[in-house]
Amino acid sequence: MAIQDFFDAKLFMSATITLVVIMDPPGTVPVFLSLVGRKPVAVRARAARQAVLVSLLVISLFAVAGQAILAYLGIGIPALQGAGGLLLLLIALQLLTGSAGTEAEATDGVNVALVPLGTPLLAGPGAIAATIVFVRQADGHAGAYVALALAIVTVHFVLYTCMRYSGVVIRLIKESGITLLAKIAGLLLAAIAVELVANSVRGFVAGG
């Protein structure tokens, strides 16, 4: 039996690179710091762990049953993109106006680890759609499924590493830097949100 029967290296590389580009581990650091940068180290570590676990759970769920879930609910990828874009836009407005920090204080950073960090920032429409596409490419081959599963775990390990050790950035930028990062992160999230909504509209138009 060929090695590809047990592990599809080509699919692993393709899925890993694609998910890293879409989920953007370095790009999550400014948003992560803007939401929990003022928290103690233990709280930041817990938030990073929770966000990655939520994202891993969501991505895994859609890898296993994504096509069935979307078909059962009658939801297309454009609808997911639109919903994710609107949610990210709300978070972006909170960051830009400075209201996100007070809400994070009230919940000790736990809620922001779930929303918006875990989903839709990490496990967003783009990552979900890419995962479903790669599952289709696997086409029932065990080696391809193993490669895709390992790719998903690898990307989430990179995400966790970037967020878990973001304290190095905090020591460099201090309190004023965190405030600045919050504004920059809000602007970037707003741009991502608009792009998701635009892609959603294009998807609906193309689909008739």
C-alpha atoms as a PDB file:
ATOM      1  CA  MET A   1       0.000   0.000   0.000  1.00  0.00           C
ATOM      2  CA  ALA A   2       1.193   3.515  -0.810  1.00  0.00           C
ATOM      3  CA  ILE A   3       2.018   6.065   1.875  1.00  0.00           C
ATOM      4  CA  GLN A   4      -0.797   8.235   0.520  1.00  0.00           C
ATOM      5  CA  ASP A   5      -3.266   5.581   1.654  1.00  0.00           C
ATOM      6  CA  PHE A   6      -2.318   6.402   5.249  1.00  0.00           C
ATOM      7  CA  PHE A   7      -1.404  10.099   4.964  1.00  0.00           C
ATOM      8  CA  ASP A   8      -1.986  12.526   2.098  1.00  0.00           C
ATOM      9  CA  ALA A   9       0.959  14.922   2.454  1.00  0.00           C
ATOM     10  CA  LYS A  10      -0.200  17.116  -0.438  1.00  0.00           C
ATOM     11  CA  LEU A  11      -3.617  17.673   1.125  1.00  0.00           C
ATOM     12  CA  PHE A  12      -1.995  18.294   4.523  1.00  0.00           C
ATOM     13  CA  MET A  13       0.225  21.051   3.116  1.00  0.00           C
ATOM     14  CA  SER A  14      -2.580  22.581   1.089  1.00  0.00           C
ATOM     15  CA  ALA A  15      -5.043  22.574   4.005  1.00  0.00           C
ATOM     16  CA  THR A  16      -2.484  23.857   6.512  1.00  0.00           C
ATOM     17  CA  ILE A  17      -1.341  26.759   4.331  1.00  0.00           C
ATOM     18  CA  THR A  18      -4.908  27.690   3.371  1.00  0.00           C
ATOM     19  CA  LEU A  19      -6.192  27.669   6.951  1.00  0.00           C
ATOM     20  CA  VAL A  20      -3.153  29.602   8.240  1.00  0.00           C
ATOM     21  CA  VAL A  21      -3.758  32.293   5.612  1.00  0.00           C
ATOM     22  CA  ILE A  22      -7.496  32.475   6.369  1.00  0.00           C
ATOM     23  CA  MET A  23      -7.282  32.275  10.178  1.00  0.00           C
ATOM     24  CA  ASP A  24      -4.151  34.474  10.277  1.00  0.00           C
ATOM     25  CA  PRO A  25      -2.496  33.545  13.637  1.00  0.00           C
ATOM     26  CA  PRO A  26      -0.300  36.710  13.850  1.00  0.00           C
ATOM     27  CA  GLY A  27      -3.301  38.840  12.950  1.00  0.00           C
ATOM     28  CA  THR A  28      -5.271  37.515  15.927  1.00  0.00           C
ATOM     29  CA  VAL A  29      -2.737  38.943  18.398  1.00  0.00           C
ATOM     30  CA  PRO A  30      -3.870  42.606  18.174  1.00  0.00           C
ATOM     31  CA  VAL A  31      -7.518  41.626  18.629  1.00  0.00           C
ATOM     32  CA  PHE A  32      -6.647  39.237  21.458  1.00  0.00           C
ATOM     33  CA  LEU A  33      -4.614  41.903  23.261  1.00  0.00           C
ATOM     34  CA  SER A  34      -7.250  44.570  22.727  1.00  0.00           C
ATOM     35  CA  LEU A  35      -9.810  42.351  24.467  1.00  0.00           C
ATOM     36  CA  VAL A  36      -7.806  40.696  27.264  1.00  0.00           C
ATOM     37  CA  GLY A  37      -4.440  42.491  27.207  1.00  0.00           C
ATOM     38  CA  ARG A  38      -5.112  44.181  30.548  1.00  0.00           C
ATOM     39  CA  LYS A  39      -6.006  40.896  32.267  1.00  0.00           C
ATOM     40  CA  PRO A  40      -3.631  38.846  34.462  1.00  0.00           C
ATOM     41  CA  VAL A  41      -1.424  36.261  32.776  1.00  0.00           C
ATOM     42  CA  ALA A  42      -3.592  33.365  34.016  1.00  0.00           C
ATOM     43  CA  VAL A  43      -6.743  34.921  32.550  1.00  0.00           C
ATOM     44  CA  ARG A  44      -5.036  35.576  29.212  1.00  0.00           C
ATOM     45  CA  ALA A  45      -3.816  31.977  29.102  1.00  0.00           C
ATOM     46  CA  ARG A  46      -7.315  30.682  29.855  1.00  0.00           C
ATOM     47  CA  ALA A  47      -8.846  32.943  27.215  1.00  0.00           C
ATOM     48  CA  ALA A  48      -6.331  31.723  24.621  1.00  0.00           C
ATOM     49  CA  ARG A  49      -7.048  28.099  25.517  1.00  0.00           C
ATOM     50  CA  GLN A  50     -10.821  28.560  25.425  1.00  0.00           C
ATOM     51  CA  ALA A  51     -10.773  30.462  22.132  1.00  0.00           C
ATOM     52  CA  VAL A  52      -8.687  27.781  20.421  1.00  0.00           C
ATOM     53  CA  LEU A  53     -10.800  24.946  21.844  1.00  0.00           C
ATOM     54  CA  VAL A  54     -14.019  26.620  20.689  1.00  0.00           C
ATOM     55  CA  SER A  55     -12.556  27.186  17.239  1.00  0.00           C
ATOM     56  CA  LEU A  56     -11.287  23.598  17.057  1.00  0.00           C
ATOM     57  CA  LEU A  57     -14.699  22.283  18.099  1.00  0.00           C
ATOM     58  CA  VAL A  58     -16.556  24.386  15.525  1.00  0.00           C
ATOM     59  CA  ILE A  59     -14.158  23.572  12.675  1.00  0.00           C
ATOM     60  CA  SER A  60     -14.203  19.853  13.572  1.00  0.00           C
ATOM     61  CA  LEU A  61     -18.000  19.852  13.715  1.00  0.00           C
ATOM     62  CA  PHE A  62     -18.265  21.353  10.245  1.00  0.00           C
ATOM     63  CA  ALA A  63     -15.567  19.001   8.942  1.00  0.00           C
ATOM     64  CA  VAL A  64     -17.600  16.010  10.098  1.00  0.00           C
ATOM     65  CA  ALA A  65     -21.138  17.197   9.432  1.00  0.00           C
ATOM     66  CA  GLY A  66     -20.888  20.630   7.814  1.00  0.00           C
ATOM     67  CA  GLN A  67     -22.501  19.742   4.505  1.00  0.00           C
ATOM     68  CA  ALA A  68     -25.346  17.911   6.229  1.00  0.00           C
ATOM     69  CA  ILE A  69     -25.935  20.772   8.704  1.00  0.00           C
ATOM     70  CA  LEU A  70     -26.046  23.442   5.997  1.00  0.00           C
ATOM     71  CA  ALA A  71     -28.276  21.323   3.774  1.00  0.00           C
ATOM     72  CA  TYR A  72     -30.680  20.524   6.634  1.00  0.00           C
ATOM     73  CA  LEU A  73     -31.014  24.165   7.666  1.00  0.00           C
ATOM     74  CA  GLY A  74     -31.075  25.409   4.099  1.00  0.00           C
ATOM     75  CA  ILE A  75     -28.107  27.696   4.765  1.00  0.00           C
ATOM     76  CA  GLY A  76     -25.473  28.515   2.168  1.00  0.00           C
ATOM     77  CA  ILE A  77     -21.937  29.804   2.584  1.00  0.00           C
ATOM     78  CA  PRO A  78     -23.040  33.359   1.613  1.00  0.00           C
ATOM     79  CA  ALA A  79     -25.461  33.387   4.550  1.00  0.00           C
ATOM     80  CA  LEU A  80     -22.662  32.314   6.898  1.00  0.00           C
ATOM     81  CA  GLN A  81     -20.427  35.039   5.519  1.00  0.00           C
ATOM     82  CA  GLY A  82     -23.108  37.685   5.992  1.00  0.00           C
ATOM     83  CA  ALA A  83     -23.891  36.646   9.568  1.00  0.00           C
ATOM     84  CA  GLY A  84     -20.208  36.462  10.501  1.00  0.00           C
ATOM     85  CA  GLY A  85     -19.549  39.835   8.916  1.00  0.00           C
ATOM     86  CA  LEU A  86     -22.348  41.551  10.837  1.00  0.00           C
ATOM     87  CA  LEU A  87     -21.194  40.034  14.132  1.00  0.00           C
ATOM     88  CA  LEU A  88     -17.602  41.124  13.545  1.00  0.00           C
ATOM     89  CA  LEU A  89     -18.816  44.604  12.625  1.00  0.00           C
ATOM     90  CA  LEU A  90     -20.548  44.924  16.007  1.00  0.00           C
ATOM     91  CA  ILE A  91     -17.349  43.895  17.806  1.00  0.00           C
ATOM     92  CA  ALA A  92     -15.307  46.303  15.663  1.00  0.00           C
ATOM     93  CA  LEU A  93     -17.588  49.195  16.614  1.00  0.00           C
ATOM     94  CA  GLN A  94     -17.173  48.312  20.303  1.00  0.00           C
ATOM     95  CA  LEU A  95     -13.385  48.345  19.942  1.00  0.00           C
ATOM     96  CA  LEU A  96     -13.407  51.643  18.070  1.00  0.00           C
ATOM     97  CA  THR A  97     -15.695  53.323  20.595  1.00  0.00           C
ATOM     98  CA  GLY A  98     -13.922  51.831  23.617  1.00  0.00           C
ATOM     99  CA  SER A  99     -16.937  49.955  24.977  1.00  0.00           C
ATOM    100  CA  ALA A 100     -15.506  46.465  24.470  1.00  0.00           C
ATOM    101  CA  GLY A 101     -13.065  46.799  27.329  1.00  0.00           C
ATOM    102  CA  THR A 102     -15.713  47.464  29.978  1.00  0.00           C
ATOM    103  CA  GLU A 103     -17.810  44.528  28.823  1.00  0.00           C
ATOM    104  CA  ALA A 104     -14.768  42.267  28.948  1.00  0.00           C
ATOM    105  CA  GLU A 105     -14.100  43.377  32.526  1.00  0.00           C
ATOM    106  CA  ALA A 106     -17.580  42.353  33.576  1.00  0.00           C
ATOM    107  CA  THR A 107     -17.142  38.786  32.360  1.00  0.00           C
ATOM    108  CA  ASP A 108     -13.492  38.308  33.306  1.00  0.00           C
ATOM    109  CA  GLY A 109     -12.484  37.690  29.696  1.00  0.00           C
ATOM    110  CA  VAL A 110     -14.408  34.433  29.351  1.00  0.00           C
ATOM    111  CA  ASN A 111     -17.085  35.644  26.925  1.00  0.00           C
ATOM    112  CA  VAL A 112     -14.612  37.227  24.509  1.00  0.00           C
ATOM    113  CA  ALA A 113     -12.755  33.914  24.335  1.00  0.00           C
ATOM    114  CA  LEU A 114     -15.922  32.327  22.994  1.00  0.00           C
ATOM    115  CA  VAL A 115     -17.250  35.270  20.968  1.00  0.00           C
ATOM    116  CA  PRO A 116     -15.686  36.916  19.008  1.00  0.00           C
ATOM    117  CA  LEU A 117     -12.307  35.149  19.408  1.00  0.00           C
ATOM    118  CA  GLY A 118     -13.321  31.488  19.136  1.00  0.00           C
ATOM    119  CA  THR A 119     -15.993  32.263  16.594  1.00  0.00           C
ATOM    120  CA  PRO A 120     -16.382  34.032  14.219  1.00  0.00           C
ATOM    121  CA  LEU A 121     -12.812  35.446  14.283  1.00  0.00           C
ATOM    122  CA  LEU A 122     -10.956  32.106  14.299  1.00  0.00           C
ATOM    123  CA  ALA A 123     -13.656  29.657  13.229  1.00  0.00           C
ATOM    124  CA  GLY A 124     -15.203  32.079  10.761  1.00  0.00           C
ATOM    125  CA  PRO A 125     -17.083  31.578   7.501  1.00  0.00           C
ATOM    126  CA  GLY A 126     -13.863  31.433   5.495  1.00  0.00           C
ATOM    127  CA  ALA A 127     -12.299  28.691   7.613  1.00  0.00           C
ATOM    128  CA  ILE A 128     -15.571  26.738   7.711  1.00  0.00           C
ATOM    129  CA  ALA A 129     -16.030  26.972   3.945  1.00  0.00           C
ATOM    130  CA  ALA A 130     -12.416  25.938   3.297  1.00  0.00           C
ATOM    131  CA  THR A 131     -12.782  22.968   5.632  1.00  0.00           C
ATOM    132  CA  ILE A 132     -15.926  21.782   3.859  1.00  0.00           C
ATOM    133  CA  VAL A 133     -14.154  22.081   0.498  1.00  0.00           C
ATOM    134  CA  PHE A 134     -11.198  20.009   1.751  1.00  0.00           C
ATOM    135  CA  VAL A 135     -13.575  17.349   3.091  1.00  0.00           C
ATOM    136  CA  ARG A 136     -15.071  17.109  -0.386  1.00  0.00           C
ATOM    137  CA  GLN A 137     -11.562  16.759  -1.846  1.00  0.00           C
ATOM    138  CA  ALA A 138     -10.831  13.917   0.571  1.00  0.00           C
ATOM    139  CA  ASP A 139     -13.600  11.987  -1.166  1.00  0.00           C
ATOM    140  CA  GLY A 140     -13.723   9.117   1.322  1.00  0.00           C
ATOM    141  CA  HIS A 141      -9.966   8.378   1.400  1.00  0.00           C
ATOM    142  CA  ALA A 142      -8.732   7.568   4.918  1.00  0.00           C
ATOM    143  CA  GLY A 143      -5.273   9.061   4.310  1.00  0.00           C
ATOM    144  CA  ALA A 144      -6.830  12.342   3.199  1.00  0.00           C
ATOM    145  CA  TYR A 145      -9.033  12.502   6.286  1.00  0.00           C
ATOM    146  CA  VAL A 146      -6.010  11.888   8.533  1.00  0.00           C
ATOM    147  CA  ALA A 147      -4.078  14.643   6.741  1.00  0.00           C
ATOM    148  CA  LEU A 148      -6.967  17.113   7.070  1.00  0.00           C
ATOM    149  CA  ALA A 149      -7.435  16.339  10.766  1.00  0.00           C
ATOM    150  CA  LEU A 150      -3.715  16.838  11.420  1.00  0.00           C
ATOM    151  CA  ALA A 151      -3.753  20.099   9.445  1.00  0.00           C
ATOM    152  CA  ILE A 152      -6.640  21.454  11.534  1.00  0.00           C
ATOM    153  CA  VAL A 153      -4.865  20.542  14.790  1.00  0.00           C
ATOM    154  CA  THR A 154      -1.567  22.030  13.557  1.00  0.00           C
ATOM    155  CA  VAL A 155      -3.154  25.368  12.646  1.00  0.00           C
ATOM    156  CA  HIS A 156      -4.895  25.582  16.022  1.00  0.00           C
ATOM    157  CA  PHE A 157      -1.627  24.857  17.809  1.00  0.00           C
ATOM    158  CA  VAL A 158      -0.057  27.782  15.952  1.00  0.00           C
ATOM    159  CA  LEU A 159      -3.027  29.973  16.900  1.00  0.00           C
ATOM    160  CA  TYR A 160      -2.702  29.009  20.563  1.00  0.00           C
ATOM    161  CA  THR A 161       1.034  29.686  20.571  1.00  0.00           C
ATOM    162  CA  CYS A 162       0.563  33.170  19.106  1.00  0.00           C
ATOM    163  CA  MET A 163      -2.102  34.129  21.658  1.00  0.00           C
ATOM    164  CA  ARG A 164      -0.605  32.347  24.656  1.00  0.00           C
ATOM    165  CA  TYR A 165       2.726  34.136  24.356  1.00  0.00           C
ATOM    166  CA  SER A 166       1.325  37.524  23.371  1.00  0.00           C
ATOM    167  CA  GLY A 167       2.517  38.746  26.794  1.00  0.00           C
ATOM    168  CA  VAL A 168       5.866  39.457  25.187  1.00  0.00           C
ATOM    169  CA  VAL A 169       4.103  42.070  23.057  1.00  0.00           C
ATOM    170  CA  ILE A 170       2.410  43.546  26.144  1.00  0.00           C
ATOM    171  CA  ARG A 171       5.741  44.106  27.862  1.00  0.00           C
ATOM    172  CA  LEU A 172       6.918  46.047  24.831  1.00  0.00           C
ATOM    173  CA  ILE A 173       3.896  48.222  24.068  1.00  0.00           C
ATOM    174  CA  LYS A 174       2.600  48.924  27.622  1.00  0.00           C
ATOM    175  CA  GLU A 175      -0.886  50.271  28.441  1.00  0.00           C
ATOM    176  CA  SER A 176      -0.964  53.023  25.818  1.00  0.00           C
ATOM    177  CA  GLY A 177       0.057  50.503  23.170  1.00  0.00           C
ATOM    178  CA  ILE A 178      -2.834  48.220  24.087  1.00  0.00           C
ATOM    179  CA  THR A 179      -5.255  51.120  23.652  1.00  0.00           C
ATOM    180  CA  LEU A 180      -3.762  51.878  20.258  1.00  0.00           C
ATOM    181  CA  LEU A 181      -3.946  48.210  19.283  1.00  0.00           C
ATOM    182  CA  ALA A 182      -7.632  48.174  20.209  1.00  0.00           C
ATOM    183  CA  LYS A 183      -8.318  50.967  17.726  1.00  0.00           C
ATOM    184  CA  ILE A 184      -6.220  49.307  15.010  1.00  0.00           C
ATOM    185  CA  ALA A 185      -7.858  45.936  15.669  1.00  0.00           C
ATOM    186  CA  GLY A 186     -11.281  47.567  15.486  1.00  0.00           C
ATOM    187  CA  LEU A 187     -10.452  49.090  12.119  1.00  0.00           C
ATOM    188  CA  LEU A 188      -9.097  45.789  10.792  1.00  0.00           C
ATOM    189  CA  LEU A 189     -12.119  43.872  12.066  1.00  0.00           C
ATOM    190  CA  ALA A 190     -14.426  46.403  10.438  1.00  0.00           C
ATOM    191  CA  ALA A 191     -12.599  45.911   7.126  1.00  0.00           C
ATOM    192  CA  ILE A 192     -12.843  42.115   7.470  1.00  0.00           C
ATOM    193  CA  ALA A 193     -16.537  42.445   8.306  1.00  0.00           C
ATOM    194  CA  VAL A 194     -17.237  44.594   5.250  1.00  0.00           C
ATOM    195  CA  GLU A 195     -15.345  42.122   3.047  1.00  0.00           C
ATOM    196  CA  LEU A 196     -17.396  39.220   4.447  1.00  0.00           C
ATOM    197  CA  VAL A 197     -20.656  41.068   3.837  1.00  0.00           C
ATOM    198  CA  ALA A 198     -19.532  42.006   0.303  1.00  0.00           C
ATOM    199  CA  ASN A 199     -18.613  38.371  -0.423  1.00  0.00           C
ATOM    200  CA  SER A 200     -21.985  37.342   0.962  1.00  0.00           C
ATOM    201  CA  VAL A 201     -23.806  39.737  -1.381  1.00  0.00           C
ATOM    202  CA  ARG A 202     -21.732  38.545  -4.353  1.00  0.00           C
ATOM    203  CA  GLY A 203     -22.514  34.953  -3.409  1.00  0.00           C
ATOM    204  CA  PHE A 204     -26.240  35.612  -3.287  1.00  0.00           C
ATOM    205  CA  VAL A 205     -26.130  37.471  -6.616  1.00  0.00           C
ATOM    206  CA  ALA A 206     -24.114  34.720  -8.290  1.00  0.00           C
ATOM    207  CA  GLY A 207     -26.452  32.083  -6.899  1.00  0.00           C
ATOM    208  CA  GLY A 208     -29.451  33.881  -8.303  1.00  0.00           C
END
